[in-house]
């Protein structure tokens, strides 16, 4: 039995249009991520779940204001801890780094 957390990234609705629809905007890109720790309790019981987080990727690429939008309680804390350590190449508007909202989904699955 192997427990793992998968991640799915998506931009917040206001930014989902992409650079072709927002002149001068280059989207953010994940540079470094850390997998969340799979709770032992959940792993032993073969429990799965998705945690959806909202966050802000700052102009320096650090993640801030991480908030849980939904997900099982046992997976929330590990998800927030992991995402708080991620580093992005920030979004750029006309060559200047900008802060950008993001929605992040972490999938906890026992395999």
PDB file of N, CA and C in Angstrom:
ATOM      1  N   UNK A   1       0.857  -1.186   0.000  1.00  0.00           N
ATOM      2  CA  UNK A   1       0.000   0.000   0.000  1.00  0.00           C
ATOM      3  C   UNK A   1       0.890   1.232   0.000  1.00  0.00           C
ATOM      4  N   UNK A   2       0.615   2.124  -0.902  1.00  0.00           N
ATOM      5  CA  UNK A   2       1.363   3.359  -1.008  1.00  0.00           C
ATOM      6  C   UNK A   2       0.406   4.535  -0.924  1.00  0.00           C
ATOM      7  N   UNK A   3       0.729   5.502  -0.093  1.00  0.00           N
ATOM      8  CA  UNK A   3      -0.097   6.699   0.024  1.00  0.00           C
ATOM      9  C   UNK A   3       0.622   7.834  -0.687  1.00  0.00           C
ATOM     10  N   UNK A   4      -0.124   8.602  -1.411  1.00  0.00           N
ATOM     11  CA  UNK A   4       0.489   9.733  -2.092  1.00  0.00           C
ATOM     12  C   UNK A   4      -0.497  10.882  -2.226  1.00  0.00           C
ATOM     13  N   UNK A   5       0.055  12.063  -2.325  1.00  0.00           N
ATOM     14  CA  UNK A   5      -0.771  13.241  -2.565  1.00  0.00           C
ATOM     15  C   UNK A   5      -0.410  13.783  -3.929  1.00  0.00           C
ATOM     16  N   UNK A   6      -1.377  13.951  -4.769  1.00  0.00           N
ATOM     17  CA  UNK A   6      -1.185  14.515  -6.099  1.00  0.00           C
ATOM     18  C   UNK A   6      -1.608  15.973  -6.065  1.00  0.00           C
ATOM     19  N   UNK A   7      -1.077  16.756  -6.940  1.00  0.00           N
ATOM     20  CA  UNK A   7      -1.501  18.151  -6.971  1.00  0.00           C
ATOM     21  C   UNK A   7      -2.005  18.529  -8.340  1.00  0.00           C
ATOM     22  N   UNK A   8      -3.009  19.371  -8.314  1.00  0.00           N
ATOM     23  CA  UNK A   8      -3.580  19.913  -9.535  1.00  0.00           C
ATOM     24  C   UNK A   8      -3.624  21.419  -9.349  1.00  0.00           C
ATOM     25  N   UNK A   9      -3.053  22.148 -10.267  1.00  0.00           N
ATOM     26  CA  UNK A   9      -2.999  23.601 -10.148  1.00  0.00           C
ATOM     27  C   UNK A   9      -3.925  24.249 -11.153  1.00  0.00           C
ATOM     28  N   UNK A  10      -4.541  25.319 -10.729  1.00  0.00           N
ATOM     29  CA  UNK A  10      -5.319  26.107 -11.680  1.00  0.00           C
ATOM     30  C   UNK A  10      -5.348  27.549 -11.212  1.00  0.00           C
ATOM     31  N   UNK A  11      -5.382  28.437 -12.140  1.00  0.00           N
ATOM     32  CA  UNK A  11      -5.450  29.856 -11.814  1.00  0.00           C
ATOM     33  C   UNK A  11      -6.863  30.194 -11.358  1.00  0.00           C
ATOM     34  N   UNK A  12      -6.959  31.220 -10.548  1.00  0.00           N
ATOM     35  CA  UNK A  12      -8.270  31.689 -10.116  1.00  0.00           C
ATOM     36  C   UNK A  12      -9.047  32.203 -11.323  1.00  0.00           C
ATOM     37  N   UNK A  13     -10.340  32.256 -11.200  1.00  0.00           N
ATOM     38  CA  UNK A  13     -11.218  32.596 -12.326  1.00  0.00           C
ATOM     39  C   UNK A  13     -10.819  33.908 -13.009  1.00  0.00           C
ATOM     40  N   UNK A  14     -10.384  34.877 -12.240  1.00  0.00           N
ATOM     41  CA  UNK A  14     -10.035  36.165 -12.825  1.00  0.00           C
ATOM     42  C   UNK A  14      -8.820  36.112 -13.725  1.00  0.00           C
ATOM     43  N   UNK A  15      -8.004  35.076 -13.582  1.00  0.00           N
ATOM     44  CA  UNK A  15      -6.776  34.974 -14.360  1.00  0.00           C
ATOM     45  C   UNK A  15      -6.813  33.821 -15.337  1.00  0.00           C
ATOM     46  N   UNK A  16      -7.871  33.058 -15.334  1.00  0.00           N
ATOM     47  CA  UNK A  16      -7.921  31.836 -16.136  1.00  0.00           C
ATOM     48  C   UNK A  16      -7.909  32.101 -17.630  1.00  0.00           C
ATOM     49  N   UNK A  17      -8.155  33.329 -18.025  1.00  0.00           N
ATOM     50  CA  UNK A  17      -8.230  33.637 -19.443  1.00  0.00           C
ATOM     51  C   UNK A  17      -6.910  33.387 -20.166  1.00  0.00           C
ATOM     52  N   UNK A  18      -5.794  33.537 -19.464  1.00  0.00           N
ATOM     53  CA  UNK A  18      -4.497  33.284 -20.083  1.00  0.00           C
ATOM     54  C   UNK A  18      -3.948  34.523 -20.759  1.00  0.00           C
ATOM     55  N   UNK A  19      -2.679  34.469 -21.131  1.00  0.00           N
ATOM     56  CA  UNK A  19      -2.016  35.657 -21.665  1.00  0.00           C
ATOM     57  C   UNK A  19      -2.559  36.120 -23.007  1.00  0.00           C
ATOM     58  N   UNK A  20      -3.134  35.215 -23.798  1.00  0.00           N
ATOM     59  CA  UNK A  20      -3.624  35.641 -25.106  1.00  0.00           C
ATOM     60  C   UNK A  20      -4.861  36.528 -24.999  1.00  0.00           C
ATOM     61  N   UNK A  21      -5.581  36.450 -23.888  1.00  0.00           N
ATOM     62  CA  UNK A  21      -6.772  37.271 -23.717  1.00  0.00           C
ATOM     63  C   UNK A  21      -6.522  38.480 -22.815  1.00  0.00           C
ATOM     64  N   UNK A  22      -5.375  38.491 -22.140  1.00  0.00           N
ATOM     65  CA  UNK A  22      -5.011  39.619 -21.297  1.00  0.00           C
ATOM     66  C   UNK A  22      -3.669  40.136 -21.813  1.00  0.00           C
ATOM     67  N   UNK A  23      -3.684  41.175 -22.636  1.00  0.00           N
ATOM     68  CA  UNK A  23      -2.446  41.671 -23.240  1.00  0.00           C
ATOM     69  C   UNK A  23      -1.383  42.011 -22.194  1.00  0.00           C
ATOM     70  N   UNK A  24      -0.167  41.563 -22.453  1.00  0.00           N
ATOM     71  CA  UNK A  24       0.957  41.870 -21.567  1.00  0.00           C
ATOM     72  C   UNK A  24       1.052  40.991 -20.333  1.00  0.00           C
ATOM     73  N   UNK A  25       0.185  39.983 -20.187  1.00  0.00           N
ATOM     74  CA  UNK A  25       0.208  39.133 -18.994  1.00  0.00           C
ATOM     75  C   UNK A  25       0.858  37.791 -19.315  1.00  0.00           C
ATOM     76  N   UNK A  26       1.864  37.436 -18.527  1.00  0.00           N
ATOM     77  CA  UNK A  26       2.460  36.103 -18.585  1.00  0.00           C
ATOM     78  C   UNK A  26       2.051  35.383 -17.312  1.00  0.00           C
ATOM     79  N   UNK A  27       1.516  34.162 -17.417  1.00  0.00           N
ATOM     80  CA  UNK A  27       1.027  33.467 -16.222  1.00  0.00           C
ATOM     81  C   UNK A  27       2.159  33.001 -15.311  1.00  0.00           C
ATOM     82  N   UNK A  28       1.806  32.769 -14.057  1.00  0.00           N
ATOM     83  CA  UNK A  28       2.757  32.225 -13.096  1.00  0.00           C
ATOM     84  C   UNK A  28       3.066  30.772 -13.459  1.00  0.00           C
ATOM     85  N   UNK A  29       4.179  30.256 -12.933  1.00  0.00           N
ATOM     86  CA  UNK A  29       4.559  28.859 -13.169  1.00  0.00           C
ATOM     87  C   UNK A  29       5.197  28.302 -11.907  1.00  0.00           C
ATOM     88  N   UNK A  30       4.816  27.095 -11.550  1.00  0.00           N
ATOM     89  CA  UNK A  30       5.358  26.440 -10.363  1.00  0.00           C
ATOM     90  C   UNK A  30       6.817  26.068 -10.611  1.00  0.00           C
ATOM     91  N   UNK A  31       7.694  26.469  -9.687  1.00  0.00           N
ATOM     92  CA  UNK A  31       9.123  26.199  -9.797  1.00  0.00           C
ATOM     93  C   UNK A  31       9.536  25.086  -8.839  1.00  0.00           C
ATOM     94  N   UNK A  32       9.016  25.125  -7.624  1.00  0.00           N
ATOM     95  CA  UNK A  32       9.400  24.167  -6.590  1.00  0.00           C
ATOM     96  C   UNK A  32       8.189  23.842  -5.725  1.00  0.00           C
ATOM     97  N   UNK A  33       7.925  22.544  -5.553  1.00  0.00           N
ATOM     98  CA  UNK A  33       6.780  22.151  -4.716  1.00  0.00           C
ATOM     99  C   UNK A  33       7.200  21.068  -3.742  1.00  0.00           C
ATOM    100  N   UNK A  34       6.443  20.935  -2.680  1.00  0.00           N
ATOM    101  CA  UNK A  34       6.658  19.920  -1.667  1.00  0.00           C
ATOM    102  C   UNK A  34       5.371  19.132  -1.521  1.00  0.00           C
ATOM    103  N   UNK A  35       5.468  17.824  -1.579  1.00  0.00           N
ATOM    104  CA  UNK A  35       4.277  16.993  -1.399  1.00  0.00           C
ATOM    105  C   UNK A  35       3.857  17.045   0.058  1.00  0.00           C
ATOM    106  N   UNK A  36       2.560  17.128   0.313  1.00  0.00           N
ATOM    107  CA  UNK A  36       2.103  17.120   1.700  1.00  0.00           C
ATOM    108  C   UNK A  36       2.302  15.744   2.331  1.00  0.00           C
ATOM    109  N   UNK A  37       2.452  15.746   3.631  1.00  0.00           N
ATOM    110  CA  UNK A  37       2.568  14.482   4.355  1.00  0.00           C
ATOM    111  C   UNK A  37       1.189  13.832   4.412  1.00  0.00           C
ATOM    112  N   UNK A  38       1.125  12.572   4.037  1.00  0.00           N
ATOM    113  CA  UNK A  38      -0.150  11.847   4.065  1.00  0.00           C
ATOM    114  C   UNK A  38      -0.383  11.413   5.505  1.00  0.00           C
ATOM    115  N   UNK A  39      -1.485  11.815   6.137  1.00  0.00           N
ATOM    116  CA  UNK A  39      -1.721  11.447   7.539  1.00  0.00           C
ATOM    117  C   UNK A  39      -1.746   9.922   7.710  1.00  0.00           C
ATOM    118  N   UNK A  40      -0.997   9.443   8.683  1.00  0.00           N
ATOM    119  CA  UNK A  40      -0.900   8.000   8.918  1.00  0.00           C
ATOM    120  C   UNK A  40      -2.273   7.389   9.164  1.00  0.00           C
ATOM    121  N   UNK A  41      -3.083   8.052   9.944  1.00  0.00           N
ATOM    122  CA  UNK A  41      -4.437   7.581  10.233  1.00  0.00           C
ATOM    123  C   UNK A  41      -5.199   7.323   8.935  1.00  0.00           C
ATOM    124  N   UNK A  42      -5.116   8.272   8.015  1.00  0.00           N
ATOM    125  CA  UNK A  42      -5.834   8.163   6.741  1.00  0.00           C
ATOM    126  C   UNK A  42      -5.231   7.066   5.861  1.00  0.00           C
ATOM    127  N   UNK A  43      -3.922   6.950   5.880  1.00  0.00           N
ATOM    128  CA  UNK A  43      -3.257   5.929   5.078  1.00  0.00           C
ATOM    129  C   UNK A  43      -3.628   4.523   5.543  1.00  0.00           C
ATOM    130  N   UNK A  44      -3.598   4.302   6.831  1.00  0.00           N
ATOM    131  CA  UNK A  44      -3.928   2.983   7.376  1.00  0.00           C
ATOM    132  C   UNK A  44      -5.368   2.589   7.072  1.00  0.00           C
ATOM    133  N   UNK A  45      -6.234   3.562   6.995  1.00  0.00           N
ATOM    134  CA  UNK A  45      -7.650   3.302   6.725  1.00  0.00           C
ATOM    135  C   UNK A  45      -8.000   3.463   5.249  1.00  0.00           C
ATOM    136  N   UNK A  46      -6.954   3.658   4.430  1.00  0.00           N
ATOM    137  CA  UNK A  46      -7.118   3.795   2.978  1.00  0.00           C
ATOM    138  C   UNK A  46      -8.119   4.895   2.615  1.00  0.00           C
ATOM    139  N   UNK A  47      -8.015   6.025   3.298  1.00  0.00           N
ATOM    140  CA  UNK A  47      -8.921   7.154   3.073  1.00  0.00           C
ATOM    141  C   UNK A  47      -8.348   8.086   2.006  1.00  0.00           C
ATOM    142  N   UNK A  48      -9.201   8.567   1.149  1.00  0.00           N
ATOM    143  CA  UNK A  48      -8.843   9.490   0.083  1.00  0.00           C
ATOM    144  C   UNK A  48      -9.608  10.794   0.259  1.00  0.00           C
ATOM    145  N   UNK A  49      -9.142  11.828  -0.406  1.00  0.00           N
ATOM    146  CA  UNK A  49      -9.873  13.088  -0.377  1.00  0.00           C
ATOM    147  C   UNK A  49      -9.143  14.169  -1.146  1.00  0.00           C
ATOM    148  N   UNK A  50      -9.862  15.202  -1.501  1.00  0.00           N
ATOM    149  CA  UNK A  50      -9.307  16.371  -2.193  1.00  0.00           C
ATOM    150  C   UNK A  50      -9.423  17.579  -1.281  1.00  0.00           C
ATOM    151  N   UNK A  51      -8.387  18.399  -1.276  1.00  0.00           N
ATOM    152  CA  UNK A  51      -8.410  19.661  -0.542  1.00  0.00           C
ATOM    153  C   UNK A  51      -8.241  20.775  -1.561  1.00  0.00           C
ATOM    154  N   UNK A  52      -9.139  21.734  -1.527  1.00  0.00           N
ATOM    155  CA  UNK A  52      -9.059  22.898  -2.411  1.00  0.00           C
ATOM    156  C   UNK A  52      -8.638  24.089  -1.561  1.00  0.00           C
ATOM    157  N   UNK A  53      -7.584  24.758  -2.024  1.00  0.00           N
ATOM    158  CA  UNK A  53      -7.037  25.907  -1.309  1.00  0.00           C
ATOM    159  C   UNK A  53      -7.097  27.138  -2.196  1.00  0.00           C
ATOM    160  N   UNK A  54      -7.288  28.287  -1.578  1.00  0.00           N
ATOM    161  CA  UNK A  54      -7.083  29.545  -2.289  1.00  0.00           C
ATOM    162  C   UNK A  54      -5.808  30.150  -1.709  1.00  0.00           C
ATOM    163  N   UNK A  55      -5.056  30.833  -2.535  1.00  0.00           N
ATOM    164  CA  UNK A  55      -3.797  31.420  -2.088  1.00  0.00           C
ATOM    165  C   UNK A  55      -3.463  32.597  -2.993  1.00  0.00           C
ATOM    166  N   UNK A  56      -2.447  33.321  -2.599  1.00  0.00           N
ATOM    167  CA  UNK A  56      -1.911  34.394  -3.425  1.00  0.00           C
ATOM    168  C   UNK A  56      -0.448  34.093  -3.692  1.00  0.00           C
ATOM    169  N   UNK A  57      -0.062  34.123  -4.955  1.00  0.00           N
ATOM    170  CA  UNK A  57       1.345  34.007  -5.321  1.00  0.00           C
ATOM    171  C   UNK A  57       1.862  35.442  -5.427  1.00  0.00           C
ATOM    172  N   UNK A  58       2.764  35.796  -4.528  1.00  0.00           N
ATOM    173  CA  UNK A  58       3.279  37.158  -4.453  1.00  0.00           C
ATOM    174  C   UNK A  58       4.226  37.461  -5.619  1.00  0.00           C
ATOM    175  N   UNK A  59       4.551  38.712  -5.789  1.00  0.00           N
ATOM    176  CA  UNK A  59       5.429  39.142  -6.875  1.00  0.00           C
ATOM    177  C   UNK A  59       6.829  38.545  -6.759  1.00  0.00           C
ATOM    178  N   UNK A  60       7.220  38.087  -5.560  1.00  0.00           N
ATOM    179  CA  UNK A  60       8.534  37.449  -5.400  1.00  0.00           C
ATOM    180  C   UNK A  60       8.449  35.925  -5.552  1.00  0.00           C
ATOM    181  N   UNK A  61       7.244  35.394  -5.852  1.00  0.00           N
ATOM    182  CA  UNK A  61       7.074  33.964  -6.084  1.00  0.00           C
ATOM    183  C   UNK A  61       6.671  33.153  -4.862  1.00  0.00           C
ATOM    184  N   UNK A  62       6.677  33.779  -3.691  1.00  0.00           N
ATOM    185  CA  UNK A  62       6.259  33.062  -2.477  1.00  0.00           C
ATOM    186  C   UNK A  62       4.740  32.993  -2.401  1.00  0.00           C
ATOM    187  N   UNK A  63       4.257  31.954  -1.733  1.00  0.00           N
ATOM    188  CA  UNK A  63       2.816  31.753  -1.573  1.00  0.00           C
ATOM    189  C   UNK A  63       2.396  32.324  -0.221  1.00  0.00           C
ATOM    190  N   UNK A  64       1.309  33.063  -0.222  1.00  0.00           N
ATOM    191  CA  UNK A  64       0.786  33.639   1.023  1.00  0.00           C
ATOM    192  C   UNK A  64      -0.735  33.516   1.054  1.00  0.00           C
ATOM    193  N   UNK A  65      -1.309  33.869   2.167  1.00  0.00           N
ATOM    194  CA  UNK A  65      -2.770  33.878   2.348  1.00  0.00           C
ATOM    195  C   UNK A  65      -3.415  32.558   1.920  1.00  0.00           C
ATOM    196  N   UNK A  66      -2.831  31.454   2.352  1.00  0.00           N
ATOM    197  CA  UNK A  66      -3.373  30.141   2.010  1.00  0.00           C
ATOM    198  C   UNK A  66      -4.600  29.887   2.878  1.00  0.00           C
ATOM    199  N   UNK A  67      -5.727  29.589   2.229  1.00  0.00           N
ATOM    200  CA  UNK A  67      -6.987  29.335   2.943  1.00  0.00           C
ATOM    201  C   UNK A  67      -7.622  28.068   2.385  1.00  0.00           C
ATOM    202  N   UNK A  68      -8.198  27.298   3.282  1.00  0.00           N
ATOM    203  CA  UNK A  68      -8.893  26.080   2.867  1.00  0.00           C
ATOM    204  C   UNK A  68     -10.288  26.459   2.393  1.00  0.00           C
ATOM    205  N   UNK A  69     -10.609  26.025   1.178  1.00  0.00           N
ATOM    206  CA  UNK A  69     -11.945  26.252   0.637  1.00  0.00           C
ATOM    207  C   UNK A  69     -12.831  25.032   0.890  1.00  0.00           C
ATOM    208  N   UNK A  70     -12.244  23.835   0.767  1.00  0.00           N
ATOM    209  CA  UNK A  70     -13.003  22.609   1.014  1.00  0.00           C
ATOM    210  C   UNK A  70     -12.029  21.449   1.177  1.00  0.00           C
ATOM    211  N   UNK A  71     -12.561  20.364   1.751  1.00  0.00           N
ATOM    212  CA  UNK A  71     -11.778  19.143   1.886  1.00  0.00           C
ATOM    213  C   UNK A  71     -11.905  18.535   3.259  1.00  0.00           C
ATOM    214  N   UNK A  72     -11.608  17.235   3.358  1.00  0.00           N
ATOM    215  CA  UNK A  72     -11.684  16.543   4.645  1.00  0.00           C
ATOM    216  C   UNK A  72     -10.717  17.156   5.662  1.00  0.00           C
ATOM    217  N   UNK A  73     -11.162  17.257   6.894  1.00  0.00           N
ATOM    218  CA  UNK A  73     -10.380  17.897   7.954  1.00  0.00           C
ATOM    219  C   UNK A  73      -8.993  17.277   8.113  1.00  0.00           C
ATOM    220  N   UNK A  74      -8.881  15.964   7.996  1.00  0.00           N
ATOM    221  CA  UNK A  74      -7.596  15.296   8.234  1.00  0.00           C
ATOM    222  C   UNK A  74      -6.531  15.665   7.205  1.00  0.00           C
ATOM    223  N   UNK A  75      -6.930  16.147   6.029  1.00  0.00           N
ATOM    224  CA  UNK A  75      -5.972  16.490   4.983  1.00  0.00           C
ATOM    225  C   UNK A  75      -5.687  17.996   4.903  1.00  0.00           C
ATOM    226  N   UNK A  76      -6.448  18.799   5.590  1.00  0.00           N
ATOM    227  CA  UNK A  76      -6.326  20.252   5.452  1.00  0.00           C
ATOM    228  C   UNK A  76      -4.986  20.795   5.932  1.00  0.00           C
ATOM    229  N   UNK A  77      -4.600  20.453   7.143  1.00  0.00           N
ATOM    230  CA  UNK A  77      -3.355  20.992   7.709  1.00  0.00           C
ATOM    231  C   UNK A  77      -2.137  20.590   6.871  1.00  0.00           C
ATOM    232  N   UNK A  78      -1.976  19.302   6.509  1.00  0.00           N
ATOM    233  CA  UNK A  78      -0.824  18.947   5.671  1.00  0.00           C
ATOM    234  C   UNK A  78      -0.826  19.677   4.323  1.00  0.00           C
ATOM    235  N   UNK A  79      -2.006  19.909   3.755  1.00  0.00           N
ATOM    236  CA  UNK A  79      -2.094  20.607   2.470  1.00  0.00           C
ATOM    237  C   UNK A  79      -1.622  22.055   2.610  1.00  0.00           C
ATOM    238  N   UNK A  80      -2.090  22.738   3.630  1.00  0.00           N
ATOM    239  CA  UNK A  80      -1.706  24.141   3.849  1.00  0.00           C
ATOM    240  C   UNK A  80      -0.203  24.247   4.109  1.00  0.00           C
ATOM    241  N   UNK A  81       0.339  23.359   4.941  1.00  0.00           N
ATOM    242  CA  UNK A  81       1.780  23.397   5.226  1.00  0.00           C
ATOM    243  C   UNK A  81       2.613  23.218   3.960  1.00  0.00           C
ATOM    244  N   UNK A  82       2.241  22.265   3.134  1.00  0.00           N
ATOM    245  CA  UNK A  82       3.005  21.997   1.916  1.00  0.00           C
ATOM    246  C   UNK A  82       2.944  23.180   0.950  1.00  0.00           C
ATOM    247  N   UNK A  83       1.747  23.647   0.659  1.00  0.00           N
ATOM    248  CA  UNK A  83       1.580  24.735  -0.324  1.00  0.00           C
ATOM    249  C   UNK A  83       2.257  26.016   0.146  1.00  0.00           C
ATOM    250  N   UNK A  84       2.284  26.250   1.437  1.00  0.00           N
ATOM    251  CA  UNK A  84       2.940  27.450   1.971  1.00  0.00           C
ATOM    252  C   UNK A  84       4.430  27.482   1.667  1.00  0.00           C
ATOM    253  N   UNK A  85       5.021  26.337   1.350  1.00  0.00           N
ATOM    254  CA  UNK A  85       6.458  26.247   1.060  1.00  0.00           C
ATOM    255  C   UNK A  85       6.756  26.292  -0.443  1.00  0.00           C
ATOM    256  N   UNK A  86       5.742  26.277  -1.282  1.00  0.00           N
ATOM    257  CA  UNK A  86       5.953  26.250  -2.723  1.00  0.00           C
ATOM    258  C   UNK A  86       6.525  27.576  -3.211  1.00  0.00           C
ATOM    259  N   UNK A  87       7.253  27.499  -4.328  1.00  0.00           N
ATOM    260  CA  UNK A  87       7.827  28.686  -4.963  1.00  0.00           C
ATOM    261  C   UNK A  87       7.368  28.709  -6.428  1.00  0.00           C
ATOM    262  N   UNK A  88       6.968  29.866  -6.888  1.00  0.00           N
ATOM    263  CA  UNK A  88       6.519  30.062  -8.264  1.00  0.00           C
ATOM    264  C   UNK A  88       7.406  31.077  -8.977  1.00  0.00           C
ATOM    265  N   UNK A  89       7.421  30.988 -10.292  1.00  0.00           N
ATOM    266  CA  UNK A  89       7.868  32.124 -11.091  1.00  0.00           C
ATOM    267  C   UNK A  89       6.618  32.987 -11.155  1.00  0.00           C
ATOM    268  N   UNK A  90       6.673  34.222 -10.664  1.00  0.00           N
ATOM    269  CA  UNK A  90       5.446  35.020 -10.575  1.00  0.00           C
ATOM    270  C   UNK A  90       4.880  35.404 -11.934  1.00  0.00           C
ATOM    271  N   UNK A  91       3.624  35.731 -11.924  1.00  0.00           N
ATOM    272  CA  UNK A  91       2.999  36.271 -13.126  1.00  0.00           C
ATOM    273  C   UNK A  91       3.657  37.608 -13.443  1.00  0.00           C
ATOM    274  N   UNK A  92       3.672  37.942 -14.718  1.00  0.00           N
ATOM    275  CA  UNK A  92       4.288  39.198 -15.145  1.00  0.00           C
ATOM    276  C   UNK A  92       3.272  39.983 -15.966  1.00  0.00           C
ATOM    277  N   UNK A  93       3.183  41.248 -15.691  1.00  0.00           N
ATOM    278  CA  UNK A  93       2.357  42.145 -16.499  1.00  0.00           C
ATOM    279  C   UNK A  93       3.275  43.201 -17.080  1.00  0.00           C
ATOM    280  N   UNK A  94       3.380  43.187 -18.402  1.00  0.00           N
ATOM    281  CA  UNK A  94       4.263  44.128 -19.111  1.00  0.00           C
ATOM    282  C   UNK A  94       5.680  44.096 -18.543  1.00  0.00           C
ATOM    283  N   UNK A  95       6.163  42.889 -18.215  1.00  0.00           N
ATOM    284  CA  UNK A  95       7.529  42.711 -17.741  1.00  0.00           C
ATOM    285  C   UNK A  95       7.743  42.928 -16.252  1.00  0.00           C
ATOM    286  N   UNK A  96       6.679  43.262 -15.523  1.00  0.00           N
ATOM    287  CA  UNK A  96       6.797  43.512 -14.088  1.00  0.00           C
ATOM    288  C   UNK A  96       6.116  42.384 -13.306  1.00  0.00           C
ATOM    289  N   UNK A  97       6.827  41.776 -12.330  1.00  0.00           N
ATOM    290  CA  UNK A  97       6.198  40.726 -11.526  1.00  0.00           C
ATOM    291  C   UNK A  97       5.008  41.275 -10.743  1.00  0.00           C
ATOM    292  N   UNK A  98       3.935  40.491 -10.698  1.00  0.00           N
ATOM    293  CA  UNK A  98       2.737  40.906  -9.963  1.00  0.00           C
ATOM    294  C   UNK A  98       2.229  39.751  -9.099  1.00  0.00           C
ATOM    295  N   UNK A  99       1.498  40.103  -8.051  1.00  0.00           N
ATOM    296  CA  UNK A  99       0.823  39.096  -7.232  1.00  0.00           C
ATOM    297  C   UNK A  99      -0.376  38.575  -8.015  1.00  0.00           C
ATOM    298  N   UNK A 100      -0.705  37.304  -7.790  1.00  0.00           N
ATOM    299  CA  UNK A 100      -1.795  36.688  -8.538  1.00  0.00           C
ATOM    300  C   UNK A 100      -2.523  35.684  -7.644  1.00  0.00           C
ATOM    301  N   UNK A 101      -3.855  35.696  -7.652  1.00  0.00           N
ATOM    302  CA  UNK A 101      -4.604  34.696  -6.888  1.00  0.00           C
ATOM    303  C   UNK A 101      -4.525  33.338  -7.575  1.00  0.00           C
ATOM    304  N   UNK A 102      -4.650  32.283  -6.788  1.00  0.00           N
ATOM    305  CA  UNK A 102      -4.622  30.929  -7.344  1.00  0.00           C
ATOM    306  C   UNK A 102      -5.546  30.024  -6.548  1.00  0.00           C
ATOM    307  N   UNK A 103      -6.106  29.056  -7.238  1.00  0.00           N
ATOM    308  CA  UNK A 103      -6.852  27.964  -6.600  1.00  0.00           C
ATOM    309  C   UNK A 103      -6.002  26.719  -6.809  1.00  0.00           C
ATOM    310  N   UNK A 104      -5.779  25.971  -5.753  1.00  0.00           N
ATOM    311  CA  UNK A 104      -4.913  24.792  -5.809  1.00  0.00           C
ATOM    312  C   UNK A 104      -5.681  23.610  -5.236  1.00  0.00           C
ATOM    313  N   UNK A 105      -5.691  22.518  -5.973  1.00  0.00           N
ATOM    314  CA  UNK A 105      -6.356  21.294  -5.508  1.00  0.00           C
ATOM    315  C   UNK A 105      -5.294  20.229  -5.267  1.00  0.00           C
ATOM    316  N   UNK A 106      -5.270  19.708  -4.053  1.00  0.00           N
ATOM    317  CA  UNK A 106      -4.390  18.602  -3.716  1.00  0.00           C
ATOM    318  C   UNK A 106      -5.243  17.353  -3.573  1.00  0.00           C
ATOM    319  N   UNK A 107      -4.849  16.308  -4.250  1.00  0.00           N
ATOM    320  CA  UNK A 107      -5.586  15.038  -4.199  1.00  0.00           C
ATOM    321  C   UNK A 107      -4.815  14.032  -3.369  1.00  0.00           C
ATOM    322  N   UNK A 108      -5.406  13.608  -2.293  1.00  0.00           N
ATOM    323  CA  UNK A 108      -4.821  12.593  -1.431  1.00  0.00           C
ATOM    324  C   UNK A 108      -5.418  11.253  -1.825  1.00  0.00           C
ATOM    325  N   UNK A 109      -4.557  10.325  -2.275  1.00  0.00           N
ATOM    326  CA  UNK A 109      -5.017   9.020  -2.739  1.00  0.00           C
ATOM    327  C   UNK A 109      -4.123   7.923  -2.193  1.00  0.00           C
ATOM    328  N   UNK A 110      -4.702   6.842  -1.739  1.00  0.00           N
ATOM    329  CA  UNK A 110      -3.958   5.647  -1.356  1.00  0.00           C
ATOM    330  C   UNK A 110      -3.876   4.774  -2.581  1.00  0.00           C
ATOM    331  N   UNK A 111      -2.673   4.347  -2.927  1.00  0.00           N
ATOM    332  CA  UNK A 111      -2.510   3.540  -4.140  1.00  0.00           C
ATOM    333  C   UNK A 111      -1.998   2.166  -3.797  1.00  0.00           C
TER     334      UNK A 111
END
